[in-house]
Amino acid sequence: FIVFLRPHVVSGSMGWNLLINFYMLNIVLAVFNMIPIPPLDGSRILRLFLPFEWKLRWDQLENWGLMLVMGFVYFGGTEFFIRPAINGAFHFVNWLIQVLPVSGA
């Protein structure tokens, strides 16, 4: 979406800054949602690859999921695991924006 707006929005304007902030927030939330802790979507993907015996135990973690997420954030899991993933996602999307052709208006 940013690729298509790039020629029409002035860089540094309030609209551009708002767009960039929404873009950054979206990437942070997407990466955070992929953490494999039971209430988040990453756990659903991990569950697909678990053996049947482990799935039953994994499903029992759902009751403790919110506490696990809070503990993950409180004890610095975001610093060591999430920040590198977010930086990688930012670099990839920025590279994609630079590489994709933009039709001039």
PDB file of N, CA and C in Angstrom:
ATOM      1  N   PHE A   1       0.816  -1.186   0.000  1.00  0.00           N
ATOM      2  CA  PHE A   1       0.000   0.000   0.000  1.00  0.00           C
ATOM      3  C   PHE A   1       0.865   1.258   0.000  1.00  0.00           C
ATOM      4  N   ILE A   2       1.920   1.219   0.781  1.00  0.00           N
ATOM      5  CA  ILE A   2       2.828   2.365   0.830  1.00  0.00           C
ATOM      6  C   ILE A   2       3.483   2.571  -0.529  1.00  0.00           C
ATOM      7  N   VAL A   3       3.736   1.473  -1.240  1.00  0.00           N
ATOM      8  CA  VAL A   3       4.377   1.566  -2.547  1.00  0.00           C
ATOM      9  C   VAL A   3       3.516   2.377  -3.501  1.00  0.00           C
ATOM     10  N   PHE A   4       2.202   2.194  -3.444  1.00  0.00           N
ATOM     11  CA  PHE A   4       1.321   2.904  -4.357  1.00  0.00           C
ATOM     12  C   PHE A   4       1.111   4.357  -3.960  1.00  0.00           C
ATOM     13  N   LEU A   5       1.269   4.674  -2.677  1.00  0.00           N
ATOM     14  CA  LEU A   5       1.105   6.051  -2.219  1.00  0.00           C
ATOM     15  C   LEU A   5       2.386   6.864  -2.313  1.00  0.00           C
ATOM     16  N   ARG A   6       3.511   6.181  -2.460  1.00  0.00           N
ATOM     17  CA  ARG A   6       4.807   6.866  -2.423  1.00  0.00           C
ATOM     18  C   ARG A   6       4.889   8.065  -3.369  1.00  0.00           C
ATOM     19  N   PRO A   7       4.459   7.976  -4.625  1.00  0.00           N
ATOM     20  CA  PRO A   7       4.600   9.157  -5.479  1.00  0.00           C
ATOM     21  C   PRO A   7       3.576  10.252  -5.195  1.00  0.00           C
ATOM     22  N   HIS A   8       2.516   9.939  -4.431  1.00  0.00           N
ATOM     23  CA  HIS A   8       1.437  10.897  -4.243  1.00  0.00           C
ATOM     24  C   HIS A   8       1.469  11.602  -2.889  1.00  0.00           C
ATOM     25  N   VAL A   9       2.211  11.080  -1.941  1.00  0.00           N
ATOM     26  CA  VAL A   9       2.272  11.661  -0.599  1.00  0.00           C
ATOM     27  C   VAL A   9       3.662  12.245  -0.389  1.00  0.00           C
ATOM     28  N   VAL A  10       3.730  13.452   0.123  1.00  0.00           N
ATOM     29  CA  VAL A  10       4.996  14.124   0.340  1.00  0.00           C
ATOM     30  C   VAL A  10       5.676  13.528   1.573  1.00  0.00           C
ATOM     31  N   SER A  11       6.909  13.102   1.389  1.00  0.00           N
ATOM     32  CA  SER A  11       7.669  12.541   2.502  1.00  0.00           C
ATOM     33  C   SER A  11       7.901  13.622   3.546  1.00  0.00           C
ATOM     34  N   GLY A  12       7.692  13.285   4.822  1.00  0.00           N
ATOM     35  CA  GLY A  12       7.860  14.240   5.905  1.00  0.00           C
ATOM     36  C   GLY A  12       6.570  14.946   6.285  1.00  0.00           C
ATOM     37  N   SER A  13       5.518  14.781   5.507  1.00  0.00           N
ATOM     38  CA  SER A  13       4.249  15.416   5.844  1.00  0.00           C
ATOM     39  C   SER A  13       3.573  14.648   6.973  1.00  0.00           C
ATOM     40  N   MET A  14       2.565  15.241   7.565  1.00  0.00           N
ATOM     41  CA  MET A  14       1.868  14.598   8.667  1.00  0.00           C
ATOM     42  C   MET A  14       1.170  13.317   8.201  1.00  0.00           C
ATOM     43  N   GLY A  15       0.611  13.318   7.007  1.00  0.00           N
ATOM     44  CA  GLY A  15      -0.030  12.125   6.459  1.00  0.00           C
ATOM     45  C   GLY A  15       0.963  10.996   6.251  1.00  0.00           C
ATOM     46  N   TRP A  16       2.144  11.343   5.754  1.00  0.00           N
ATOM     47  CA  TRP A  16       3.177  10.330   5.535  1.00  0.00           C
ATOM     48  C   TRP A  16       3.645   9.748   6.865  1.00  0.00           C
ATOM     49  N   ASN A  17       3.858  10.609   7.877  1.00  0.00           N
ATOM     50  CA  ASN A  17       4.283  10.132   9.196  1.00  0.00           C
ATOM     51  C   ASN A  17       3.229   9.221   9.816  1.00  0.00           C
ATOM     52  N   LEU A  18       1.959   9.557   9.663  1.00  0.00           N
ATOM     53  CA  LEU A  18       0.887   8.718  10.174  1.00  0.00           C
ATOM     54  C   LEU A  18       0.878   7.362   9.474  1.00  0.00           C
ATOM     55  N   LEU A  19       1.067   7.370   8.172  1.00  0.00           N
ATOM     56  CA  LEU A  19       1.103   6.131   7.402  1.00  0.00           C
ATOM     57  C   LEU A  19       2.270   5.247   7.843  1.00  0.00           C
ATOM     58  N   ILE A  20       3.428   5.833   8.050  1.00  0.00           N
ATOM     59  CA  ILE A  20       4.598   5.080   8.484  1.00  0.00           C
ATOM     60  C   ILE A  20       4.381   4.511   9.890  1.00  0.00           C
ATOM     61  N   ASN A  21       3.763   5.285  10.775  1.00  0.00           N
ATOM     62  CA  ASN A  21       3.482   4.782  12.131  1.00  0.00           C
ATOM     63  C   ASN A  21       2.520   3.602  12.099  1.00  0.00           C
ATOM     64  N   PHE A  22       1.495   3.660  11.262  1.00  0.00           N
ATOM     65  CA  PHE A  22       0.577   2.527  11.134  1.00  0.00           C
ATOM     66  C   PHE A  22       1.289   1.319  10.551  1.00  0.00           C
ATOM     67  N   TYR A  23       2.166   1.540   9.611  1.00  0.00           N
ATOM     68  CA  TYR A  23       2.947   0.461   8.997  1.00  0.00           C
ATOM     69  C   TYR A  23       3.823  -0.218  10.045  1.00  0.00           C
ATOM     70  N   MET A  24       4.498   0.561  10.879  1.00  0.00           N
ATOM     71  CA  MET A  24       5.372   0.005  11.911  1.00  0.00           C
ATOM     72  C   MET A  24       4.559  -0.744  12.965  1.00  0.00           C
ATOM     73  N   LEU A  25       3.432  -0.186  13.384  1.00  0.00           N
ATOM     74  CA  LEU A  25       2.580  -0.845  14.364  1.00  0.00           C
ATOM     75  C   LEU A  25       2.051  -2.171  13.818  1.00  0.00           C
ATOM     76  N   ASN A  26       1.684  -2.193  12.562  1.00  0.00           N
ATOM     77  CA  ASN A  26       1.166  -3.410  11.946  1.00  0.00           C
ATOM     78  C   ASN A  26       2.221  -4.514  11.933  1.00  0.00           C
ATOM     79  N   ILE A  27       3.457  -4.182  11.632  1.00  0.00           N
ATOM     80  CA  ILE A  27       4.525  -5.179  11.622  1.00  0.00           C
ATOM     81  C   ILE A  27       4.807  -5.683  13.039  1.00  0.00           C
ATOM     82  N   VAL A  28       4.835  -4.790  14.009  1.00  0.00           N
ATOM     83  CA  VAL A  28       5.085  -5.197  15.393  1.00  0.00           C
ATOM     84  C   VAL A  28       3.983  -6.150  15.869  1.00  0.00           C
ATOM     85  N   LEU A  29       2.728  -5.822  15.600  1.00  0.00           N
ATOM     86  CA  LEU A  29       1.629  -6.679  16.036  1.00  0.00           C
ATOM     87  C   LEU A  29       1.632  -8.017  15.299  1.00  0.00           C
ATOM     88  N   ALA A  30       1.987  -8.012  14.024  1.00  0.00           N
ATOM     89  CA  ALA A  30       2.038  -9.263  13.263  1.00  0.00           C
ATOM     90  C   ALA A  30       3.125 -10.187  13.807  1.00  0.00           C
ATOM     91  N   VAL A  31       4.290  -9.650  14.082  1.00  0.00           N
ATOM     92  CA  VAL A  31       5.390 -10.472  14.620  1.00  0.00           C
ATOM     93  C   VAL A  31       5.040 -10.959  16.019  1.00  0.00           C
ATOM     94  N   PHE A  32       4.497 -10.092  16.856  1.00  0.00           N
ATOM     95  CA  PHE A  32       4.124 -10.487  18.209  1.00  0.00           C
ATOM     96  C   PHE A  32       3.073 -11.592  18.187  1.00  0.00           C
ATOM     97  N   ASN A  33       2.135 -11.521  17.268  1.00  0.00           N
ATOM     98  CA  ASN A  33       1.064 -12.506  17.171  1.00  0.00           C
ATOM     99  C   ASN A  33       1.585 -13.884  16.766  1.00  0.00           C
ATOM    100  N   MET A  34       2.770 -13.944  16.171  1.00  0.00           N
ATOM    101  CA  MET A  34       3.322 -15.227  15.745  1.00  0.00           C
ATOM    102  C   MET A  34       4.152 -15.917  16.821  1.00  0.00           C
ATOM    103  N   ILE A  35       4.180 -15.384  18.037  1.00  0.00           N
ATOM    104  CA  ILE A  35       4.858 -16.057  19.151  1.00  0.00           C
ATOM    105  C   ILE A  35       4.091 -17.349  19.431  1.00  0.00           C
ATOM    106  N   PRO A  36       4.790 -18.478  19.561  1.00  0.00           N
ATOM    107  CA  PRO A  36       4.074 -19.742  19.785  1.00  0.00           C
ATOM    108  C   PRO A  36       3.677 -19.964  21.249  1.00  0.00           C
ATOM    109  N   ILE A  37       2.906 -19.053  21.794  1.00  0.00           N
ATOM    110  CA  ILE A  37       2.326 -19.199  23.128  1.00  0.00           C
ATOM    111  C   ILE A  37       0.816 -19.311  22.922  1.00  0.00           C
ATOM    112  N   PRO A  38       0.146 -20.261  23.565  1.00  0.00           N
ATOM    113  CA  PRO A  38      -1.213 -20.660  23.229  1.00  0.00           C
ATOM    114  C   PRO A  38      -2.280 -19.625  22.886  1.00  0.00           C
ATOM    115  N   PRO A  39      -2.431 -18.480  23.485  1.00  0.00           N
ATOM    116  CA  PRO A  39      -3.532 -17.648  22.981  1.00  0.00           C
ATOM    117  C   PRO A  39      -3.214 -16.958  21.652  1.00  0.00           C
ATOM    118  N   LEU A  40      -1.955 -16.965  21.238  1.00  0.00           N
ATOM    119  CA  LEU A  40      -1.560 -16.265  20.016  1.00  0.00           C
ATOM    120  C   LEU A  40      -1.576 -17.219  18.823  1.00  0.00           C
ATOM    121  N   ASP A  41      -1.622 -16.658  17.619  1.00  0.00           N
ATOM    122  CA  ASP A  41      -1.744 -17.474  16.414  1.00  0.00           C
ATOM    123  C   ASP A  41      -0.524 -18.340  16.143  1.00  0.00           C
ATOM    124  N   GLY A  42       0.629 -17.945  16.613  1.00  0.00           N
ATOM    125  CA  GLY A  42       1.823 -18.756  16.415  1.00  0.00           C
ATOM    126  C   GLY A  42       1.687 -20.132  17.053  1.00  0.00           C
ATOM    127  N   SER A  43       0.944 -20.215  18.141  1.00  0.00           N
ATOM    128  CA  SER A  43       0.750 -21.518  18.790  1.00  0.00           C
ATOM    129  C   SER A  43      -0.126 -22.422  17.945  1.00  0.00           C
ATOM    130  N   ARG A  44      -1.068 -21.853  17.203  1.00  0.00           N
ATOM    131  CA  ARG A  44      -1.931 -22.665  16.333  1.00  0.00           C
ATOM    132  C   ARG A  44      -1.107 -23.274  15.195  1.00  0.00           C
ATOM    133  N   ILE A  45      -0.162 -22.506  14.698  1.00  0.00           N
ATOM    134  CA  ILE A  45       0.689 -23.021  13.627  1.00  0.00           C
ATOM    135  C   ILE A  45       1.618 -24.098  14.170  1.00  0.00           C
ATOM    136  N   LEU A  46       2.213 -23.863  15.323  1.00  0.00           N
ATOM    137  CA  LEU A  46       3.088 -24.867  15.931  1.00  0.00           C
ATOM    138  C   LEU A  46       2.314 -26.148  16.232  1.00  0.00           C
ATOM    139  N   ARG A  47       1.075 -26.025  16.664  1.00  0.00           N
ATOM    140  CA  ARG A  47       0.244 -27.183  17.013  1.00  0.00           C
ATOM    141  C   ARG A  47       0.060 -28.114  15.812  1.00  0.00           C
ATOM    142  N   LEU A  48       0.034 -27.575  14.614  1.00  0.00           N
ATOM    143  CA  LEU A  48      -0.119 -28.400  13.411  1.00  0.00           C
ATOM    144  C   LEU A  48       1.024 -29.392  13.246  1.00  0.00           C
ATOM    145  N   PHE A  49       2.195 -29.063  13.754  1.00  0.00           N
ATOM    146  CA  PHE A  49       3.378 -29.901  13.568  1.00  0.00           C
ATOM    147  C   PHE A  49       3.686 -30.795  14.771  1.00  0.00           C
ATOM    148  N   LEU A  50       2.899 -30.691  15.829  1.00  0.00           N
ATOM    149  CA  LEU A  50       3.136 -31.507  17.023  1.00  0.00           C
ATOM    150  C   LEU A  50       2.549 -32.902  16.854  1.00  0.00           C
ATOM    151  N   PRO A  51       3.181 -33.927  17.445  1.00  0.00           N
ATOM    152  CA  PRO A  51       2.573 -35.262  17.475  1.00  0.00           C
ATOM    153  C   PRO A  51       1.278 -35.221  18.297  1.00  0.00           C
ATOM    154  N   PHE A  52       0.400 -36.170  18.053  1.00  0.00           N
ATOM    155  CA  PHE A  52      -0.914 -36.179  18.700  1.00  0.00           C
ATOM    156  C   PHE A  52      -0.801 -36.153  20.220  1.00  0.00           C
ATOM    157  N   GLU A  53       0.131 -36.912  20.780  1.00  0.00           N
ATOM    158  CA  GLU A  53       0.270 -36.962  22.239  1.00  0.00           C
ATOM    159  C   GLU A  53       0.617 -35.597  22.816  1.00  0.00           C
ATOM    160  N   TRP A  54       1.405 -34.841  22.103  1.00  0.00           N
ATOM    161  CA  TRP A  54       1.813 -33.520  22.580  1.00  0.00           C
ATOM    162  C   TRP A  54       0.696 -32.490  22.419  1.00  0.00           C
ATOM    163  N   LYS A  55      -0.172 -32.700  21.449  1.00  0.00           N
ATOM    164  CA  LYS A  55      -1.256 -31.733  21.221  1.00  0.00           C
ATOM    165  C   LYS A  55      -2.168 -31.613  22.426  1.00  0.00           C
ATOM    166  N   LEU A  56      -2.421 -32.737  23.097  1.00  0.00           N
ATOM    167  CA  LEU A  56      -3.288 -32.700  24.279  1.00  0.00           C
ATOM    168  C   LEU A  56      -2.655 -31.865  25.389  1.00  0.00           C
ATOM    169  N   ARG A  57      -1.354 -32.020  25.587  1.00  0.00           N
ATOM    170  CA  ARG A  57      -0.654 -31.221  26.604  1.00  0.00           C
ATOM    171  C   ARG A  57      -0.601 -29.748  26.180  1.00  0.00           C
ATOM    172  N   TRP A  58      -0.390 -29.530  24.890  1.00  0.00           N
ATOM    173  CA  TRP A  58      -0.314 -28.161  24.373  1.00  0.00           C
ATOM    174  C   TRP A  58      -1.640 -27.440  24.587  1.00  0.00           C
ATOM    175  N   ASP A  59      -2.736 -28.164  24.389  1.00  0.00           N
ATOM    176  CA  ASP A  59      -4.059 -27.566  24.578  1.00  0.00           C
ATOM    177  C   ASP A  59      -4.302 -27.184  26.031  1.00  0.00           C
ATOM    178  N   GLN A  60      -3.682 -27.891  26.962  1.00  0.00           N
ATOM    179  CA  GLN A  60      -3.841 -27.559  28.374  1.00  0.00           C
ATOM    180  C   GLN A  60      -3.132 -26.247  28.729  1.00  0.00           C
ATOM    181  N   LEU A  61      -2.149 -25.857  27.933  1.00  0.00           N
ATOM    182  CA  LEU A  61      -1.464 -24.576  28.180  1.00  0.00           C
ATOM    183  C   LEU A  61      -2.365 -23.380  27.891  1.00  0.00           C
ATOM    184  N   GLU A  62      -3.449 -23.601  27.158  1.00  0.00           N
ATOM    185  CA  GLU A  62      -4.367 -22.512  26.815  1.00  0.00           C
ATOM    186  C   GLU A  62      -4.886 -21.814  28.070  1.00  0.00           C
ATOM    187  N   ASN A  63      -5.092 -22.576  29.133  1.00  0.00           N
ATOM    188  CA  ASN A  63      -5.595 -21.988  30.382  1.00  0.00           C
ATOM    189  C   ASN A  63      -4.603 -21.004  30.993  1.00  0.00           C
ATOM    190  N   TRP A  64      -3.329 -21.206  30.758  1.00  0.00           N
ATOM    191  CA  TRP A  64      -2.285 -20.373  31.333  1.00  0.00           C
ATOM    192  C   TRP A  64      -1.702 -19.395  30.315  1.00  0.00           C
ATOM    193  N   GLY A  65      -2.263 -19.353  29.133  1.00  0.00           N
ATOM    194  CA  GLY A  65      -1.687 -18.593  28.031  1.00  0.00           C
ATOM    195  C   GLY A  65      -1.471 -17.123  28.301  1.00  0.00           C
ATOM    196  N   LEU A  66      -2.470 -16.467  28.861  1.00  0.00           N
ATOM    197  CA  LEU A  66      -2.324 -15.032  29.112  1.00  0.00           C
ATOM    198  C   LEU A  66      -1.210 -14.758  30.111  1.00  0.00           C
ATOM    199  N   MET A  67      -1.116 -15.598  31.133  1.00  0.00           N
ATOM    200  CA  MET A  67      -0.031 -15.427  32.106  1.00  0.00           C
ATOM    201  C   MET A  67       1.328 -15.694  31.450  1.00  0.00           C
ATOM    202  N   LEU A  68       1.392 -16.664  30.546  1.00  0.00           N
ATOM    203  CA  LEU A  68       2.639 -16.943  29.840  1.00  0.00           C
ATOM    204  C   LEU A  68       3.063 -15.761  28.972  1.00  0.00           C
ATOM    205  N   VAL A  69       2.101 -15.155  28.281  1.00  0.00           N
ATOM    206  CA  VAL A  69       2.418 -13.987  27.441  1.00  0.00           C
ATOM    207  C   VAL A  69       2.894 -12.833  28.314  1.00  0.00           C
ATOM    208  N   MET A  70       2.212 -12.594  29.419  1.00  0.00           N
ATOM    209  CA  MET A  70       2.615 -11.499  30.307  1.00  0.00           C
ATOM    210  C   MET A  70       4.008 -11.760  30.881  1.00  0.00           C
ATOM    211  N   GLY A  71       4.287 -13.004  31.263  1.00  0.00           N
ATOM    212  CA  GLY A  71       5.614 -13.350  31.762  1.00  0.00           C
ATOM    213  C   GLY A  71       6.674 -13.205  30.689  1.00  0.00           C
ATOM    214  N   PHE A  72       6.337 -13.584  29.464  1.00  0.00           N
ATOM    215  CA  PHE A  72       7.258 -13.451  28.337  1.00  0.00           C
ATOM    216  C   PHE A  72       7.656 -11.988  28.139  1.00  0.00           C
ATOM    217  N   VAL A  73       6.681 -11.119  28.187  1.00  0.00           N
ATOM    218  CA  VAL A  73       6.950  -9.684  28.008  1.00  0.00           C
ATOM    219  C   VAL A  73       7.683  -9.120  29.225  1.00  0.00           C
ATOM    220  N   TYR A  74       7.241  -9.482  30.426  1.00  0.00           N
ATOM    221  CA  TYR A  74       7.820  -8.925  31.639  1.00  0.00           C
ATOM    222  C   TYR A  74       9.288  -9.321  31.817  1.00  0.00           C
ATOM    223  N   PHE A  75       9.611 -10.565  31.507  1.00  0.00           N
ATOM    224  CA  PHE A  75      10.967 -11.049  31.725  1.00  0.00           C
ATOM    225  C   PHE A  75      11.896 -10.830  30.536  1.00  0.00           C
ATOM    226  N   GLY A  76      11.497 -10.008  29.586  1.00  0.00           N
ATOM    227  CA  GLY A  76      12.400  -9.592  28.530  1.00  0.00           C
ATOM    228  C   GLY A  76      12.425 -10.466  27.293  1.00  0.00           C
ATOM    229  N   GLY A  77      11.428 -11.291  27.106  1.00  0.00           N
ATOM    230  CA  GLY A  77      11.389 -12.124  25.903  1.00  0.00           C
ATOM    231  C   GLY A  77      11.289 -11.305  24.630  1.00  0.00           C
ATOM    232  N   THR A  78      10.693 -10.130  24.741  1.00  0.00           N
ATOM    233  CA  THR A  78      10.569  -9.285  23.553  1.00  0.00           C
ATOM    234  C   THR A  78      11.929  -8.759  23.114  1.00  0.00           C
ATOM    235  N   GLU A  79      12.806  -8.514  24.072  1.00  0.00           N
ATOM    236  CA  GLU A  79      14.119  -7.949  23.737  1.00  0.00           C
ATOM    237  C   GLU A  79      14.975  -8.945  22.963  1.00  0.00           C
ATOM    238  N   PHE A  80      14.941 -10.202  23.354  1.00  0.00           N
ATOM    239  CA  PHE A  80      15.836 -11.185  22.758  1.00  0.00           C
ATOM    240  C   PHE A  80      15.234 -11.918  21.565  1.00  0.00           C
ATOM    241  N   PHE A  81      13.920 -12.066  21.522  1.00  0.00           N
ATOM    242  CA  PHE A  81      13.306 -12.857  20.465  1.00  0.00           C
ATOM    243  C   PHE A  81      12.496 -12.025  19.478  1.00  0.00           C
ATOM    244  N   ILE A  82      11.753 -11.063  19.979  1.00  0.00           N
ATOM    245  CA  ILE A  82      10.839 -10.315  19.112  1.00  0.00           C
ATOM    246  C   ILE A  82      11.547  -9.180  18.389  1.00  0.00           C
ATOM    247  N   ARG A  83      12.400  -8.453  19.075  1.00  0.00           N
ATOM    248  CA  ARG A  83      13.075  -7.313  18.438  1.00  0.00           C
ATOM    249  C   ARG A  83      13.859  -7.710  17.190  1.00  0.00           C
ATOM    250  N   PRO A  84      14.645  -8.800  17.203  1.00  0.00           N
ATOM    251  CA  PRO A  84      15.335  -9.185  15.964  1.00  0.00           C
ATOM    252  C   PRO A  84      14.365  -9.556  14.843  1.00  0.00           C
ATOM    253  N   ALA A  85      13.257 -10.194  15.186  1.00  0.00           N
ATOM    254  CA  ALA A  85      12.273 -10.550  14.158  1.00  0.00           C
ATOM    255  C   ALA A  85      11.610  -9.295  13.580  1.00  0.00           C
ATOM    256  N   ILE A  86      11.326  -8.332  14.427  1.00  0.00           N
ATOM    257  CA  ILE A  86      10.725  -7.080  13.951  1.00  0.00           C
ATOM    258  C   ILE A  86      11.709  -6.325  13.074  1.00  0.00           C
ATOM    259  N   ASN A  87      12.970  -6.263  13.485  1.00  0.00           N
ATOM    260  CA  ASN A  87      13.975  -5.592  12.655  1.00  0.00           C
ATOM    261  C   ASN A  87      14.108  -6.268  11.301  1.00  0.00           C
ATOM    262  N   GLY A  88      14.109  -7.590  11.286  1.00  0.00           N
ATOM    263  CA  GLY A  88      14.174  -8.314  10.016  1.00  0.00           C
ATOM    264  C   GLY A  88      12.962  -8.032   9.137  1.00  0.00           C
ATOM    265  N   ALA A  89      11.782  -7.982   9.748  1.00  0.00           N
ATOM    266  CA  ALA A  89      10.567  -7.687   8.980  1.00  0.00           C
ATOM    267  C   ALA A  89      10.606  -6.269   8.428  1.00  0.00           C
ATOM    268  N   PHE A  90      11.065  -5.296   9.229  1.00  0.00           N
ATOM    269  CA  PHE A  90      11.189  -3.918   8.742  1.00  0.00           C
ATOM    270  C   PHE A  90      12.138  -3.841   7.550  1.00  0.00           C
ATOM    271  N   HIS A  91      13.289  -4.491   7.670  1.00  0.00           N
ATOM    272  CA  HIS A  91      14.257  -4.455   6.574  1.00  0.00           C
ATOM    273  C   HIS A  91      13.696  -5.108   5.319  1.00  0.00           C
ATOM    274  N   PHE A  92      12.990  -6.222   5.490  1.00  0.00           N
ATOM    275  CA  PHE A  92      12.410  -6.898   4.334  1.00  0.00           C
ATOM    276  C   PHE A  92      11.356  -6.029   3.655  1.00  0.00           C
ATOM    277  N   VAL A  93      10.451  -5.442   4.427  1.00  0.00           N
ATOM    278  CA  VAL A  93       9.396  -4.608   3.834  1.00  0.00           C
ATOM    279  C   VAL A  93       9.989  -3.356   3.205  1.00  0.00           C
ATOM    280  N   ASN A  94      10.979  -2.746   3.846  1.00  0.00           N
ATOM    281  CA  ASN A  94      11.620  -1.567   3.243  1.00  0.00           C
ATOM    282  C   ASN A  94      12.331  -1.931   1.950  1.00  0.00           C
ATOM    283  N   TRP A  95      12.983  -3.086   1.925  1.00  0.00           N
ATOM    284  CA  TRP A  95      13.621  -3.551   0.692  1.00  0.00           C
ATOM    285  C   TRP A  95      12.570  -3.778  -0.385  1.00  0.00           C
ATOM    286  N   LEU A  96      11.441  -4.376   0.002  1.00  0.00           N
ATOM    287  CA  LEU A  96      10.362  -4.642  -0.951  1.00  0.00           C
ATOM    288  C   LEU A  96       9.806  -3.341  -1.519  1.00  0.00           C
ATOM    289  N   ILE A  97       9.661  -2.330  -0.682  1.00  0.00           N
ATOM    290  CA  ILE A  97       9.155  -1.029  -1.145  1.00  0.00           C
ATOM    291  C   ILE A  97      10.119  -0.417  -2.160  1.00  0.00           C
ATOM    292  N   GLN A  98      11.416  -0.562  -1.923  1.00  0.00           N
ATOM    293  CA  GLN A  98      12.411   0.009  -2.842  1.00  0.00           C
ATOM    294  C   GLN A  98      12.467  -0.753  -4.162  1.00  0.00           C
ATOM    295  N   VAL A  99      12.235  -2.070  -4.108  1.00  0.00           N
ATOM    296  CA  VAL A  99      12.403  -2.908  -5.297  1.00  0.00           C
ATOM    297  C   VAL A  99      11.186  -2.861  -6.210  1.00  0.00           C
ATOM    298  N   LEU A 100       9.988  -2.812  -5.619  1.00  0.00           N
ATOM    299  CA  LEU A 100       8.778  -2.855  -6.439  1.00  0.00           C
ATOM    300  C   LEU A 100       8.681  -1.598  -7.296  1.00  0.00           C
ATOM    301  N   PRO A 101       8.322  -1.781  -8.566  1.00  0.00           N
ATOM    302  CA  PRO A 101       8.196  -0.607  -9.434  1.00  0.00           C
ATOM    303  C   PRO A 101       6.956   0.203  -9.076  1.00  0.00           C
ATOM    304  N   VAL A 102       7.079   1.513  -9.230  1.00  0.00           N
ATOM    305  CA  VAL A 102       5.973   2.418  -8.959  1.00  0.00           C
ATOM    306  C   VAL A 102       5.645   3.115 -10.272  1.00  0.00           C
ATOM    307  N   SER A 103       4.367   3.060 -10.653  1.00  0.00           N
ATOM    308  CA  SER A 103       3.964   3.744 -11.878  1.00  0.00           C
ATOM    309  C   SER A 103       3.815   5.231 -11.587  1.00  0.00           C
ATOM    310  N   GLY A 104       4.403   6.046 -12.430  1.00  0.00           N
ATOM    311  CA  GLY A 104       4.323   7.493 -12.249  1.00  0.00           C
ATOM    312  C   GLY A 104       2.965   8.028 -12.636  1.00  0.00           C
ATOM    313  N   ALA A 105       2.564   9.104 -11.984  1.00  0.00           N
ATOM    314  CA  ALA A 105       1.254   9.690 -12.280  1.00  0.00           C
ATOM    315  C   ALA A 105       1.410  10.905 -13.154  1.00  0.00           C
TER     316      ALA A 105
END
